[in-house]
C-alpha atoms as a PDB file:
ATOM      1  CA  MET A   1      95.793  95.614 126.434  1.00  0.00           C
ATOM      2  CA  LYS A   2      92.738  96.422 124.311  1.00  0.00           C
ATOM      3  CA  VAL A   3      92.466  94.192 121.246  1.00  0.00           C
ATOM      4  CA  GLY A   4      90.388  95.142 118.224  1.00  0.00           C
ATOM      5  CA  ILE A   5      89.274  92.258 116.012  1.00  0.00           C
ATOM      6  CA  ILE A   6      89.023  92.490 112.235  1.00  0.00           C
ATOM      7  CA  THR A   7      86.655  89.787 111.046  1.00  0.00           C
ATOM      8  CA  VAL A   8      83.159  89.117 109.732  1.00  0.00           C
ATOM      9  CA  PHE A   9      80.712  89.621 112.588  1.00  0.00           C
ATOM     10  CA  ARG A  10      77.493  90.875 110.996  1.00  0.00           C
ATOM     11  CA  SER A  11      76.938  87.910 108.687  1.00  0.00           C
ATOM     12  CA  ARG A  12      73.572  86.136 108.865  1.00  0.00           C
ATOM     13  CA  ASN A  13      75.381  82.816 109.095  1.00  0.00           C
ATOM     14  CA  CYS A  14      75.332  80.779 112.306  1.00  0.00           C
ATOM     15  CA  GLY A  15      78.848  79.403 111.863  1.00  0.00           C
ATOM     16  CA  SER A  16      80.283  82.882 111.319  1.00  0.00           C
ATOM     17  CA  PHE A  17      78.311  84.238 114.282  1.00  0.00           C
ATOM     18  CA  TRP A  18      79.670  81.697 116.762  1.00  0.00           C
ATOM     19  CA  GLN A  19      83.127  81.875 115.203  1.00  0.00           C
ATOM     20  CA  ALA A  20      83.228  85.627 115.805  1.00  0.00           C
ATOM     21  CA  TYR A  21      81.879  85.315 119.345  1.00  0.00           C
ATOM     22  CA  ALA A  22      84.407  82.613 120.236  1.00  0.00           C
ATOM     23  CA  THR A  23      87.236  84.809 118.908  1.00  0.00           C
ATOM     24  CA  GLN A  24      86.081  87.737 121.054  1.00  0.00           C
ATOM     25  CA  GLU A  25      85.756  85.615 124.198  1.00  0.00           C
ATOM     26  CA  ALA A  26      89.055  83.787 123.647  1.00  0.00           C
ATOM     27  CA  CYS A  27      90.864  87.136 123.419  1.00  0.00           C
ATOM     28  CA  ARG A  28      89.229  88.201 126.674  1.00  0.00           C
ATOM     29  CA  LEU A  29      90.873  85.254 128.414  1.00  0.00           C
ATOM     30  CA  TYR A  30      94.252  86.968 128.019  1.00  0.00           C
ATOM     31  CA  TYR A  31      93.677  90.655 127.332  1.00  0.00           C
ATOM     32  CA  ASP A  32      91.954  93.492 129.187  1.00  0.00           C
ATOM     33  CA  ASP A  33      89.305  93.881 126.539  1.00  0.00           C
ATOM     34  CA  ALA A  34      88.448  92.596 123.068  1.00  0.00           C
ATOM     35  CA  PHE A  35      85.937  93.947 120.585  1.00  0.00           C
ATOM     36  CA  PHE A  36      85.080  94.012 116.900  1.00  0.00           C
ATOM     37  CA  LEU A  37      86.202  96.924 114.791  1.00  0.00           C
ATOM     38  CA  ALA A  38      83.362  98.695 113.044  1.00  0.00           C
ATOM     39  CA  TYR A  39      83.780  99.245 109.339  1.00  0.00           C
ATOM     40  CA  ARG A  40      81.488 100.667 106.693  1.00  0.00           C
ATOM     41  CA  ALA A  41      80.854  98.135 103.938  1.00  0.00           C
ATOM     42  CA  THR A  42      79.210  99.313 100.753  1.00  0.00           C
ATOM     43  CA  ILE A  43      75.500  98.634 100.852  1.00  0.00           C
ATOM     44  CA  PHE A  44      75.737  96.438  97.776  1.00  0.00           C
ATOM     45  CA  LEU A  45      77.915  93.922  99.599  1.00  0.00           C
ATOM     46  CA  SER A  46      76.081  94.022 102.912  1.00  0.00           C
ATOM     47  CA  PRO A  47      74.725  90.615 104.074  1.00  0.00           C
ATOM     48  CA  VAL A  48      71.937  92.560 105.758  1.00  0.00           C
ATOM     49  CA  LEU A  49      70.860  93.931 102.395  1.00  0.00           C
ATOM     50  CA  ASP A  50      70.989  90.467 100.842  1.00  0.00           C
ATOM     51  CA  TYR A  51      68.614  89.212 103.511  1.00  0.00           C
ATOM     52  CA  ALA A  52      66.280  92.179 103.032  1.00  0.00           C
ATOM     53  CA  LYS A  53      66.317  91.675  99.244  1.00  0.00           C
ATOM     54  CA  TYR A  54      65.374  88.007  99.672  1.00  0.00           C
ATOM     55  CA  GLY A  55      62.489  88.939 101.960  1.00  0.00           C
ATOM     56  CA  ILE A  56      61.221  91.590  99.561  1.00  0.00           C
ATOM     57  CA  HIS A  57      61.582  89.172  96.640  1.00  0.00           C
ATOM     58  CA  SER A  58      59.425  86.655  98.535  1.00  0.00           C
ATOM     59  CA  LEU A  59      56.801  89.327  99.162  1.00  0.00           C
ATOM     60  CA  LEU A  60      56.670  90.246  95.497  1.00  0.00           C
ATOM     61  CA  LYS A  61      56.082  86.582  94.649  1.00  0.00           C
ATOM     62  CA  LEU A  62      53.336  86.493  97.290  1.00  0.00           C
ATOM     63  CA  LYS A  63      55.326  84.006  99.354  1.00  0.00           C
ATOM     64  CA  PHE A  64      54.298  85.610 102.625  1.00  0.00           C
ATOM     65  CA  GLY A  65      55.433  82.676 104.748  1.00  0.00           C
ATOM     66  CA  GLU A  66      58.987  82.809 103.392  1.00  0.00           C
ATOM     67  CA  ALA A  67      59.099  86.589 103.776  1.00  0.00           C
ATOM     68  CA  THR A  68      57.976  86.354 107.401  1.00  0.00           C
ATOM     69  CA  ARG A  69      60.606  83.711 108.145  1.00  0.00           C
ATOM     70  CA  THR A  70      63.325  85.828 106.531  1.00  0.00           C
ATOM     71  CA  PHE A  71      62.476  88.996 108.435  1.00  0.00           C
ATOM     72  CA  THR A  72      62.092  87.075 111.709  1.00  0.00           C
ATOM     73  CA  SER A  73      65.462  85.395 111.253  1.00  0.00           C
ATOM     74  CA  ASN A  74      67.032  88.746 110.426  1.00  0.00           C
ATOM     75  CA  SER A  75      65.578  90.207 113.624  1.00  0.00           C
ATOM     76  CA  TYR A  76      66.935  87.318 115.724  1.00  0.00           C
ATOM     77  CA  PHE A  77      70.421  87.791 114.282  1.00  0.00           C
ATOM     78  CA  HIS A  78      70.279  91.551 114.852  1.00  0.00           C
ATOM     79  CA  HIS A  79      69.326  91.202 118.515  1.00  0.00           C
ATOM     80  CA  SER A  80      71.844  88.385 119.060  1.00  0.00           C
ATOM     81  CA  ILE A  81      74.665  90.561 117.722  1.00  0.00           C
ATOM     82  CA  ARG A  82      73.620  93.417 119.977  1.00  0.00           C
ATOM     83  CA  ARG A  83      73.425  91.059 122.975  1.00  0.00           C
ATOM     84  CA  LEU A  84      76.816  89.357 122.700  1.00  0.00           C
ATOM     85  CA  PHE A  85      79.125  91.467 120.542  1.00  0.00           C
ATOM     86  CA  SER A  86      81.132  94.495 121.594  1.00  0.00           C
ATOM     87  CA  ILE A  87      81.757  96.846 118.642  1.00  0.00           C
ATOM     88  CA  LYS A  88      84.070  99.864 118.773  1.00  0.00           C
ATOM     89  CA  PRO A  89      85.947 102.157 116.344  1.00  0.00           C
ATOM     90  CA  LEU A  90      89.509 101.529 115.202  1.00  0.00           C
ATOM     91  CA  SER A  91      90.793 104.298 117.460  1.00  0.00           C
ATOM     92  CA  SER A  92      89.825 102.257 120.545  1.00  0.00           C
ATOM     93  CA  ALA A  93      92.270  99.433 119.762  1.00  0.00           C
ATOM     94  CA  GLU A  94      95.820  99.251 121.095  1.00  0.00           C
ATOM     95  CA  ASN A  95      96.588  96.065 119.156  1.00  0.00           C
ATOM     96  CA  ILE A  96      94.650  94.336 116.383  1.00  0.00           C
ATOM     97  CA  LEU A  97      93.865  90.699 115.634  1.00  0.00           C
ATOM     98  CA  ILE A  98      92.932  89.770 112.049  1.00  0.00           C
ATOM     99  CA  GLY A  99      90.758  86.675 111.936  1.00  0.00           C
ATOM    100  CA  SER A 100      89.280  84.295 111.942  1.00  0.00           C
ATOM    101  CA  ASP A 101      87.220  83.046 108.974  1.00  0.00           C
ATOM    102  CA  THR A 102      88.052  82.861 105.259  1.00  0.00           C
ATOM    103  CA  LEU A 103      88.949  86.559 105.168  1.00  0.00           C
ATOM    104  CA  TRP A 104      91.584  85.952 102.494  1.00  0.00           C
ATOM    105  CA  ASN A 105      89.301  83.979 100.191  1.00  0.00           C
ATOM    106  CA  VAL A 106      89.481  86.324  97.185  1.00  0.00           C
ATOM    107  CA  LYS A 107      87.310  83.923  95.206  1.00  0.00           C
ATOM    108  CA  ASP A 108      84.421  85.352  97.249  1.00  0.00           C
ATOM    109  CA  LYS A 109      83.232  88.880  96.361  1.00  0.00           C
ATOM    110  CA  TYR A 110      82.554  89.750 100.003  1.00  0.00           C
ATOM    111  CA  PHE A 111      86.196  89.259 100.923  1.00  0.00           C
ATOM    112  CA  LYS A 112      87.789  90.282  97.625  1.00  0.00           C
ATOM    113  CA  LYS A 113      86.288  93.758  97.846  1.00  0.00           C
ATOM    114  CA  TYR A 114      87.998  94.451 101.188  1.00  0.00           C
ATOM    115  CA  ILE A 115      91.119  92.325 100.925  1.00  0.00           C
ATOM    116  CA  SER A 116      93.419  95.249 101.756  1.00  0.00           C
ATOM    117  CA  TYR A 117      91.438  95.804 104.964  1.00  0.00           C
ATOM    118  CA  TYR A 118      91.628  92.110 105.845  1.00  0.00           C
ATOM    119  CA  CYS A 119      95.395  92.161 105.294  1.00  0.00           C
ATOM    120  CA  GLY A 120      95.860  95.035 107.721  1.00  0.00           C
ATOM    121  CA  CYS A 121      96.693  97.715 105.153  1.00  0.00           C
ATOM    122  CA  ASP A 122      94.440 100.234 106.941  1.00  0.00           C
ATOM    123  CA  ILE A 123      96.010  99.723 110.367  1.00  0.00           C
ATOM    124  CA  PRO A 124      97.779 102.906 111.561  1.00  0.00           C
ATOM    125  CA  ASN A 125     101.547 102.932 111.972  1.00  0.00           C
ATOM    126  CA  GLY A 126     102.610 101.978 115.458  1.00  0.00           C
ATOM    127  CA  VAL A 127      99.644  99.658 116.076  1.00  0.00           C
ATOM    128  CA  LEU A 128     100.719  96.016 116.342  1.00  0.00           C
ATOM    129  CA  PHE A 129      98.687  93.363 114.575  1.00  0.00           C
ATOM    130  CA  SER A 130      98.656  89.574 114.355  1.00  0.00           C
ATOM    131  CA  THR A 131      96.494  87.018 112.571  1.00  0.00           C
ATOM    132  CA  PHE A 132      94.471  84.157 114.018  1.00  0.00           C
ATOM    133  CA  ALA A 133      92.963  81.158 112.225  1.00  0.00           C
ATOM    134  CA  THR A 134      92.552  83.037 108.966  1.00  0.00           C
ATOM    135  CA  SER A 135      92.096  81.114 105.711  1.00  0.00           C
ATOM    136  CA  VAL A 136      92.370  81.581 101.944  1.00  0.00           C
ATOM    137  CA  GLY A 137      89.459  79.188 101.449  1.00  0.00           C
ATOM    138  CA  ASN A 138      89.301  77.690  97.958  1.00  0.00           C
ATOM    139  CA  SER A 139      91.183  80.566  96.269  1.00  0.00           C
ATOM    140  CA  SER A 140      93.598  79.514  93.543  1.00  0.00           C
ATOM    141  CA  ASP A 141      97.251  80.636  93.402  1.00  0.00           C
ATOM    142  CA  ARG A 142      96.424  82.841  90.439  1.00  0.00           C
ATOM    143  CA  GLU A 143      93.574  84.553  92.274  1.00  0.00           C
ATOM    144  CA  LEU A 144      95.703  85.127  95.356  1.00  0.00           C
ATOM    145  CA  LYS A 145      98.638  86.554  93.410  1.00  0.00           C
ATOM    146  CA  GLU A 146      96.357  89.110  91.787  1.00  0.00           C
ATOM    147  CA  HIS A 147      96.176  90.709  95.238  1.00  0.00           C
ATOM    148  CA  LEU A 148      99.830  90.259  96.166  1.00  0.00           C
ATOM    149  CA  PRO A 149     100.393  93.936  97.187  1.00  0.00           C
ATOM    150  CA  SER A 150      97.786  93.556  99.930  1.00  0.00           C
ATOM    151  CA  PHE A 151      99.114  90.204 101.131  1.00  0.00           C
ATOM    152  CA  LEU A 152     102.674  91.550 101.308  1.00  0.00           C
ATOM    153  CA  ASN A 153     101.521  93.788 104.157  1.00  0.00           C
ATOM    154  CA  LEU A 154     101.286  90.648 106.293  1.00  0.00           C
ATOM    155  CA  ASN A 155     105.081  90.848 106.563  1.00  0.00           C
ATOM    156  CA  ASN A 156     104.403  93.544 109.159  1.00  0.00           C
ATOM    157  CA  ALA A 157     102.431  91.226 111.425  1.00  0.00           C
ATOM    158  CA  VAL A 158     103.895  90.425 114.843  1.00  0.00           C
ATOM    159  CA  SER A 159     102.779  86.821 114.499  1.00  0.00           C
ATOM    160  CA  LEU A 160     100.999  84.766 111.869  1.00  0.00           C
ATOM    161  CA  SER A 161      98.677  81.814 112.201  1.00  0.00           C
ATOM    162  CA  SER A 162      96.563  79.845 109.732  1.00  0.00           C
ATOM    163  CA  ARG A 163      93.539  77.588 109.984  1.00  0.00           C
ATOM    164  CA  ASP A 164      94.653  75.200 107.258  1.00  0.00           C
ATOM    165  CA  LEU A 165      97.686  73.931 105.378  1.00  0.00           C
ATOM    166  CA  ALA A 166      96.886  75.765 102.118  1.00  0.00           C
ATOM    167  CA  THR A 167      96.923  79.092 103.951  1.00  0.00           C
ATOM    168  CA  GLN A 168     100.078  78.165 105.828  1.00  0.00           C
ATOM    169  CA  ASP A 169     101.850  77.384 102.549  1.00  0.00           C
ATOM    170  CA  PHE A 170     100.640  80.607 100.940  1.00  0.00           C
ATOM    171  CA  LEU A 171     101.826  82.735 103.861  1.00  0.00           C
ATOM    172  CA  TYR A 172     105.232  81.081 103.692  1.00  0.00           C
ATOM    173  CA  GLU A 173     105.445  81.885  99.986  1.00  0.00           C
ATOM    174  CA  VAL A 174     104.489  85.534 100.587  1.00  0.00           C
ATOM    175  CA  THR A 175     106.341  86.281 103.822  1.00  0.00           C
ATOM    176  CA  GLY A 176     109.001  83.590 104.137  1.00  0.00           C
ATOM    177  CA  ARG A 177     107.590  82.822 107.608  1.00  0.00           C
ATOM    178  CA  ARG A 178     106.067  79.537 108.695  1.00  0.00           C
ATOM    179  CA  SER A 179     102.780  80.484 110.359  1.00  0.00           C
ATOM    180  CA  SER A 180     101.403  78.581 113.346  1.00  0.00           C
ATOM    181  CA  LEU A 181      98.621  76.145 112.508  1.00  0.00           C
ATOM    182  CA  VAL A 182      95.689  76.732 114.867  1.00  0.00           C
ATOM    183  CA  VAL A 183      92.134  75.465 115.153  1.00  0.00           C
ATOM    184  CA  ASP A 184      89.011  77.372 114.270  1.00  0.00           C
ATOM    185  CA  PRO A 185      87.883  79.562 117.223  1.00  0.00           C
ATOM    186  CA  THR A 186      84.666  77.558 117.580  1.00  0.00           C
ATOM    187  CA  MET A 187      86.842  74.679 118.832  1.00  0.00           C
ATOM    188  CA  LEU A 188      88.336  76.775 121.657  1.00  0.00           C
ATOM    189  CA  PHE A 189      85.338  76.238 123.947  1.00  0.00           C
ATOM    190  CA  ASP A 190      83.213  73.290 125.024  1.00  0.00           C
ATOM    191  CA  LYS A 191      79.496  72.762 124.562  1.00  0.00           C
ATOM    192  CA  ASP A 192      78.556  74.333 127.921  1.00  0.00           C
ATOM    193  CA  PHE A 193      80.045  77.641 126.764  1.00  0.00           C
ATOM    194  CA  TYR A 194      77.722  77.690 123.753  1.00  0.00           C
ATOM    195  CA  LEU A 195      74.663  76.475 125.644  1.00  0.00           C
ATOM    196  CA  HIS A 196      75.044  79.297 128.156  1.00  0.00           C
ATOM    197  CA  ALA A 197      75.537  81.971 125.481  1.00  0.00           C
ATOM    198  CA  ALA A 198      72.598  80.666 123.424  1.00  0.00           C
ATOM    199  CA  SER A 199      70.333  80.801 126.490  1.00  0.00           C
ATOM    200  CA  LEU A 200      70.768  84.596 126.474  1.00  0.00           C
ATOM    201  CA  LEU A 201      69.508  84.982 122.908  1.00  0.00           C
ATOM    202  CA  PRO A 202      66.094  85.137 121.206  1.00  0.00           C
ATOM    203  CA  GLY A 203      64.714  82.550 118.820  1.00  0.00           C
ATOM    204  CA  ASN A 204      65.338  79.358 120.766  1.00  0.00           C
ATOM    205  CA  PRO A 205      62.904  76.803 119.292  1.00  0.00           C
ATOM    206  CA  PRO A 206      60.645  74.672 121.514  1.00  0.00           C
ATOM    207  CA  PRO A 207      62.000  71.209 122.394  1.00  0.00           C
ATOM    208  CA  SER A 208      61.667  68.756 119.524  1.00  0.00           C
ATOM    209  CA  LYS A 209      59.013  66.067 119.904  1.00  0.00           C
ATOM    210  CA  GLY A 210      60.978  62.848 119.869  1.00  0.00           C
ATOM    211  CA  ASP A 211      64.327  61.850 118.420  1.00  0.00           C
ATOM    212  CA  PHE A 212      65.440  63.494 115.193  1.00  0.00           C
ATOM    213  CA  ILE A 213      68.052  63.897 112.481  1.00  0.00           C
ATOM    214  CA  LEU A 214      69.280  67.457 111.955  1.00  0.00           C
ATOM    215  CA  ILE A 215      70.095  68.703 108.460  1.00  0.00           C
ATOM    216  CA  TYR A 216      72.380  71.737 108.375  1.00  0.00           C
ATOM    217  CA  ALA A 217      73.502  72.181 104.787  1.00  0.00           C
ATOM    218  CA  PHE A 218      73.944  74.986 102.280  1.00  0.00           C
ATOM    219  CA  ARG A 219      72.822  72.928  99.312  1.00  0.00           C
ATOM    220  CA  PRO A 220      69.617  70.902  98.846  1.00  0.00           C
ATOM    221  CA  LEU A 221      69.866  67.142  99.096  1.00  0.00           C
ATOM    222  CA  SER A 222      69.761  65.099  95.912  1.00  0.00           C
ATOM    223  CA  ASP A 223      66.961  62.595  95.334  1.00  0.00           C
ATOM    224  CA  ALA A 224      69.329  59.734  96.214  1.00  0.00           C
ATOM    225  CA  GLU A 225      70.383  61.429  99.448  1.00  0.00           C
ATOM    226  CA  LYS A 226      66.767  62.158 100.409  1.00  0.00           C
ATOM    227  CA  LYS A 227      65.781  58.562  99.749  1.00  0.00           C
ATOM    228  CA  SER A 228      68.574  57.142 101.903  1.00  0.00           C
ATOM    229  CA  LEU A 229      67.908  59.604 104.715  1.00  0.00           C
ATOM    230  CA  CYS A 230      64.140  59.088 104.742  1.00  0.00           C
ATOM    231  CA  LEU A 231      64.563  55.305 104.731  1.00  0.00           C
ATOM    232  CA  PHE A 232      66.959  55.443 107.693  1.00  0.00           C
ATOM    233  CA  ALA A 233      64.632  57.812 109.581  1.00  0.00           C
ATOM    234  CA  LYS A 234      61.532  55.706 108.922  1.00  0.00           C
ATOM    235  CA  GLU A 235      63.173  52.475 110.079  1.00  0.00           C
ATOM    236  CA  ARG A 236      64.091  54.122 113.402  1.00  0.00           C
ATOM    237  CA  SER A 237      61.055  56.364 113.878  1.00  0.00           C
ATOM    238  CA  LEU A 238      63.162  59.528 113.621  1.00  0.00           C
ATOM    239  CA  ARG A 239      61.916  62.941 112.566  1.00  0.00           C
ATOM    240  CA  ILE A 240      63.921  65.009 110.068  1.00  0.00           C
ATOM    241  CA  VAL A 241      64.552  68.645 110.990  1.00  0.00           C
ATOM    242  CA  SER A 242      66.073  71.068 108.473  1.00  0.00           C
ATOM    243  CA  LEU A 243      67.798  74.238 109.714  1.00  0.00           C
ATOM    244  CA  GLY A 244      68.682  76.801 107.102  1.00  0.00           C
ATOM    245  CA  GLY A 245      66.107  76.160 104.453  1.00  0.00           C
ATOM    246  CA  SER A 246      62.426  75.508 103.996  1.00  0.00           C
ATOM    247  CA  ALA A 247      62.461  71.867 102.899  1.00  0.00           C
ATOM    248  CA  LYS A 248      58.838  70.765 102.587  1.00  0.00           C
ATOM    249  CA  TRP A 249      59.774  67.091 102.662  1.00  0.00           C
ATOM    250  CA  CYS A 250      61.195  67.463 106.193  1.00  0.00           C
ATOM    251  CA  ASP A 251      59.129  67.172 109.373  1.00  0.00           C
ATOM    252  CA  ALA A 252      60.179  70.591 110.694  1.00  0.00           C
ATOM    253  CA  ASN A 253      61.901  73.727 109.396  1.00  0.00           C
ATOM    254  CA  PRO A 254      62.711  75.989 112.365  1.00  0.00           C
ATOM    255  CA  ILE A 255      63.726  79.590 111.712  1.00  0.00           C
ATOM    256  CA  ILE A 256      67.486  79.839 111.499  1.00  0.00           C
ATOM    257  CA  CYS A 257      69.252  81.947 114.122  1.00  0.00           C
ATOM    258  CA  PRO A 258      72.246  81.516 116.486  1.00  0.00           C
ATOM    259  CA  SER A 259      70.249  80.147 119.440  1.00  0.00           C
ATOM    260  CA  ALA A 260      68.300  77.637 117.331  1.00  0.00           C
ATOM    261  CA  PHE A 261      71.581  76.439 115.820  1.00  0.00           C
ATOM    262  CA  ILE A 262      73.025  75.565 119.248  1.00  0.00           C
ATOM    263  CA  SER A 263      69.790  74.115 120.604  1.00  0.00           C
ATOM    264  CA  LEU A 264      69.325  71.774 117.657  1.00  0.00           C
ATOM    265  CA  PHE A 265      72.933  70.562 117.601  1.00  0.00           C
ATOM    266  CA  ALA A 266      72.682  69.902 121.343  1.00  0.00           C
ATOM    267  CA  THR A 267      69.514  67.799 121.076  1.00  0.00           C
ATOM    268  CA  ALA A 268      69.861  66.067 117.689  1.00  0.00           C
ATOM    269  CA  ASN A 269      70.533  62.345 117.537  1.00  0.00           C
ATOM    270  CA  PHE A 270      72.322  62.544 114.182  1.00  0.00           C
ATOM    271  CA  VAL A 271      73.573  65.352 111.931  1.00  0.00           C
ATOM    272  CA  VAL A 272      73.694  65.659 108.149  1.00  0.00           C
ATOM    273  CA  THR A 273      75.829  68.566 106.928  1.00  0.00           C
ATOM    274  CA  ASP A 274      78.025  69.894 104.155  1.00  0.00           C
ATOM    275  CA  THR A 275      79.561  72.776 106.107  1.00  0.00           C
ATOM    276  CA  PHE A 276      82.755  73.319 108.064  1.00  0.00           C
ATOM    277  CA  HIS A 277      80.957  74.477 111.187  1.00  0.00           C
ATOM    278  CA  GLY A 278      78.377  71.730 110.845  1.00  0.00           C
ATOM    279  CA  VAL A 279      81.264  69.300 111.350  1.00  0.00           C
ATOM    280  CA  VAL A 280      82.813  71.353 114.174  1.00  0.00           C
ATOM    281  CA  PHE A 281      79.614  71.543 116.209  1.00  0.00           C
ATOM    282  CA  SER A 282      78.847  67.871 115.618  1.00  0.00           C
ATOM    283  CA  LEU A 283      82.244  67.181 117.186  1.00  0.00           C
ATOM    284  CA  ASN A 284      81.666  69.731 119.962  1.00  0.00           C
ATOM    285  CA  PHE A 285      78.406  68.077 120.957  1.00  0.00           C
ATOM    286  CA  GLY A 286      79.562  64.495 120.385  1.00  0.00           C
ATOM    287  CA  LYS A 287      77.100  63.683 117.597  1.00  0.00           C
ATOM    288  CA  LYS A 288      77.300  61.020 114.936  1.00  0.00           C
ATOM    289  CA  PHE A 289      77.358  62.870 111.637  1.00  0.00           C
ATOM    290  CA  MET A 290      77.814  62.443 107.904  1.00  0.00           C
ATOM    291  CA  VAL A 291      79.002  64.963 105.324  1.00  0.00           C
ATOM    292  CA  LEU A 292      77.253  65.441 102.004  1.00  0.00           C
ATOM    293  CA  ALA A 293      79.461  65.323  98.914  1.00  0.00           C
ATOM    294  CA  ASN A 294      81.172  68.700  98.392  1.00  0.00           C
ATOM    295  CA  LYS A 295      84.443  70.207  97.139  1.00  0.00           C
ATOM    296  CA  LYS A 296      85.318  72.352 100.143  1.00  0.00           C
ATOM    297  CA  ASN A 297      88.993  71.991 101.016  1.00  0.00           C
ATOM    298  CA  LYS A 298      88.434  73.206 104.584  1.00  0.00           C
ATOM    299  CA  VAL A 299      85.875  70.459 105.221  1.00  0.00           C
ATOM    300  CA  ALA A 300      88.141  67.759 103.772  1.00  0.00           C
ATOM    301  CA  GLN A 301      91.107  68.862 105.901  1.00  0.00           C
ATOM    302  CA  LEU A 302      88.983  69.006 109.046  1.00  0.00           C
ATOM    303  CA  LEU A 303      87.772  65.451 108.481  1.00  0.00           C
ATOM    304  CA  THR A 304      91.375  64.340 107.935  1.00  0.00           C
ATOM    305  CA  THR A 305      92.553  66.051 111.127  1.00  0.00           C
ATOM    306  CA  PHE A 306      90.042  64.052 113.147  1.00  0.00           C
ATOM    307  CA  GLY A 307      90.512  60.862 111.141  1.00  0.00           C
ATOM    308  CA  VAL A 308      86.881  60.629 110.006  1.00  0.00           C
ATOM    309  CA  GLN A 309      87.245  60.983 106.241  1.00  0.00           C
ATOM    310  CA  ASP A 310      85.003  57.943 105.852  1.00  0.00           C
ATOM    311  CA  VAL A 311      81.863  59.949 106.738  1.00  0.00           C
ATOM    312  CA  LEU A 312      82.157  61.998 103.531  1.00  0.00           C
ATOM    313  CA  ASP A 313      79.482  60.797 101.129  1.00  0.00           C
ATOM    314  CA  ASP A 314      80.007  60.141  97.430  1.00  0.00           C
ATOM    315  CA  GLY A 315      76.675  61.658  96.417  1.00  0.00           C
ATOM    316  CA  THR A 316      74.646  58.461  96.683  1.00  0.00           C
ATOM    317  CA  GLY A 317      73.642  58.792 100.329  1.00  0.00           C
ATOM    318  CA  ALA A 318      75.440  55.565 101.249  1.00  0.00           C
ATOM    319  CA  ALA A 319      77.362  57.317 104.050  1.00  0.00           C
ATOM    320  CA  ILE A 320      74.121  57.961 105.954  1.00  0.00           C
ATOM    321  CA  ALA A 321      73.529  54.404 107.116  1.00  0.00           C
ATOM    322  CA  TYR A 322      77.266  53.791 107.457  1.00  0.00           C
ATOM    323  CA  SER A 323      77.956  56.864 109.613  1.00  0.00           C
ATOM    324  CA  PHE A 324      74.849  56.542 111.772  1.00  0.00           C
ATOM    325  CA  ALA A 325      74.600  52.770 112.220  1.00  0.00           C
ATOM    326  CA  THR A 326      77.708  50.872 111.096  1.00  0.00           C
ATOM    327  CA  LYS A 327      80.673  53.097 111.922  1.00  0.00           C
ATOM    328  CA  LYS A 328      82.313  52.596 115.319  1.00  0.00           C
ATOM    329  CA  TRP A 329      82.697  56.094 116.713  1.00  0.00           C
ATOM    330  CA  ASP A 330      85.337  56.714 119.387  1.00  0.00           C
ATOM    331  CA  PHE A 331      84.327  60.064 120.822  1.00  0.00           C
ATOM    332  CA  GLU A 332      87.075  59.936 123.430  1.00  0.00           C
ATOM    333  CA  ILE A 333      89.761  59.986 120.731  1.00  0.00           C
ATOM    334  CA  LEU A 334      87.939  62.820 118.944  1.00  0.00           C
ATOM    335  CA  ARG A 335      87.776  64.746 122.231  1.00  0.00           C
ATOM    336  CA  ARG A 336      91.519  64.358 122.781  1.00  0.00           C
ATOM    337  CA  ILE A 337      92.279  65.662 119.295  1.00  0.00           C
ATOM    338  CA  MET A 338      90.009  68.633 119.992  1.00  0.00           C
ATOM    339  CA  LEU A 339      91.655  69.362 123.361  1.00  0.00           C
ATOM    340  CA  LYS A 340      95.169  69.178 121.912  1.00  0.00           C
ATOM    341  CA  GLY A 341      94.322  71.657 119.152  1.00  0.00           C
ATOM    342  CA  ARG A 342      92.547  73.887 121.647  1.00  0.00           C
ATOM    343  CA  GLU A 343      95.499  74.001 124.031  1.00  0.00           C
ATOM    344  CA  GLU A 344      98.049  74.780 121.307  1.00  0.00           C
ATOM    345  CA  SER A 345      95.842  77.458 119.757  1.00  0.00           C
ATOM    346  CA  LEU A 346      95.177  79.204 123.069  1.00  0.00           C
ATOM    347  CA  GLN A 347      98.915  79.236 123.759  1.00  0.00           C
ATOM    348  CA  TYR A 348      99.436  81.000 120.449  1.00  0.00           C
ATOM    349  CA  LEU A 349      96.699  83.515 121.184  1.00  0.00           C
ATOM    350  CA  ASN A 350      98.184  84.271 124.598  1.00  0.00           C
ATOM    351  CA  SER A 351     101.511  85.287 123.038  1.00  0.00           C
ATOM    352  CA  ALA A 352     100.223  86.653 119.728  1.00  0.00           C
ATOM    353  CA  PHE A 353     101.529  90.179 120.356  1.00  0.00           C
ATOM    354  CA  SER A 354     104.624  89.272 122.354  1.00  0.00           C
ATOM    355  CA  TYR A 355     107.151  88.405 119.687  1.00  0.00           C
ATOM    356  CA  LYS A 356     107.483  87.696 116.007  1.00  0.00           C
ATOM    357  CA  LEU A 357     106.293  84.183 115.159  1.00  0.00           C
END
């Protein structure tokens, strides 16, 4: 069976990159071939264009360093996608898997624009499709119902699965079917899987000099958070490394790309994050981590699943010292939770096109 995957795979986001790759490789465990389906997004919504625009904007402001970093990062992502991803046209697929990622998050313009595509409305008659670990993100009921005609097409899916409870409830409301709750694809493989894949890619940074704290966050740290983090680092002679932004107050700011992401999570002593995949890869690599204050439902549910809600900060930075020094981490329990979710999710994937779930 040849499985075509409908998901985001060209995003310049490390979490999305490894999420897509894990989905492709998990499908290949059970099916003859798996590949991403090529689609033509309008240039105005292309993440590639956004990156190019940021680089050009930096050039116009005479910020040559930032422009160079942007174009270099873009090049690393481009070559990484070409190295690991298989991309084919829709006509090559015998069955189709929709997911993973927040494809149904209509609050986001990138997904809202193509919601009919992400609900399988463009799939030809006679081609079976299922969903895997897809999420509505932080979309409200009102926003979702505005696109009800597209979501109703999910009634035609052979099987349905969700990454979170909010999506599971929404699918039940739309289809009357209780979807299987599965883990994010990045949790389907262990750290050795990612280390091997990353070793094949460009952009791997040189080994860090000494122990360090990794920051992987989409928002800048507040003054209170910086103060707490710098104090903790100074007391323990730790460097602070920021991946994803050029934070001048940090000791190092490596260029963001898929290989650097894996390398830094593998070698960091502690992790500070506000992202879903920042939490996942901290768990994958057995790192002590803390989560910056945020309102992301997917992050909150993930912390609850693993019983580590106490590492979520309140905005003061107090969780830094608690998570890194005071909290008693039991990584064996966390590993068991991961393995249980992995096993159940792979069982679902193995039978995703066999019968109606």
